[in-house]
Amino acid sequence: MPVIGDDGFSAAMSVPDPRAFALHKFWLSKQTRRAALKKQRDHDQALAVANLIVKYLPQYKFKASELRMFPKALLAEAEKSMSDVDLPSGFDVE
């Protein structure tokens, strides 16, 4: 991902796939040993990033075929949880 530096020149920046970040945060929010405050923050961050992806990054789809490094059960649970939130279509766990 290119970024613009203070000097005005572009530079390459390695960043994780935003879908992976959202799914990881969702997974963290479901961990029983995680502190309640952190679990809620993780869940809120997962929803916020997923919402941004679906609305503003149409090139990124939550397709199981593209996210096969994640268990299908996690994708299905994320889709179910996020379906309660007013997100546009964009999750596809098949």
Foldseek 3Di string as FASTA:
>chain_A
DWDADPVRDIDDDDDDDLLVQLLVLQVVLPDPVDDPVSSVVSPVVSLVSVQCCQPPVVVDAQECVVVVVDDLVSLVVVCVVNVVPPHDDGRHSD
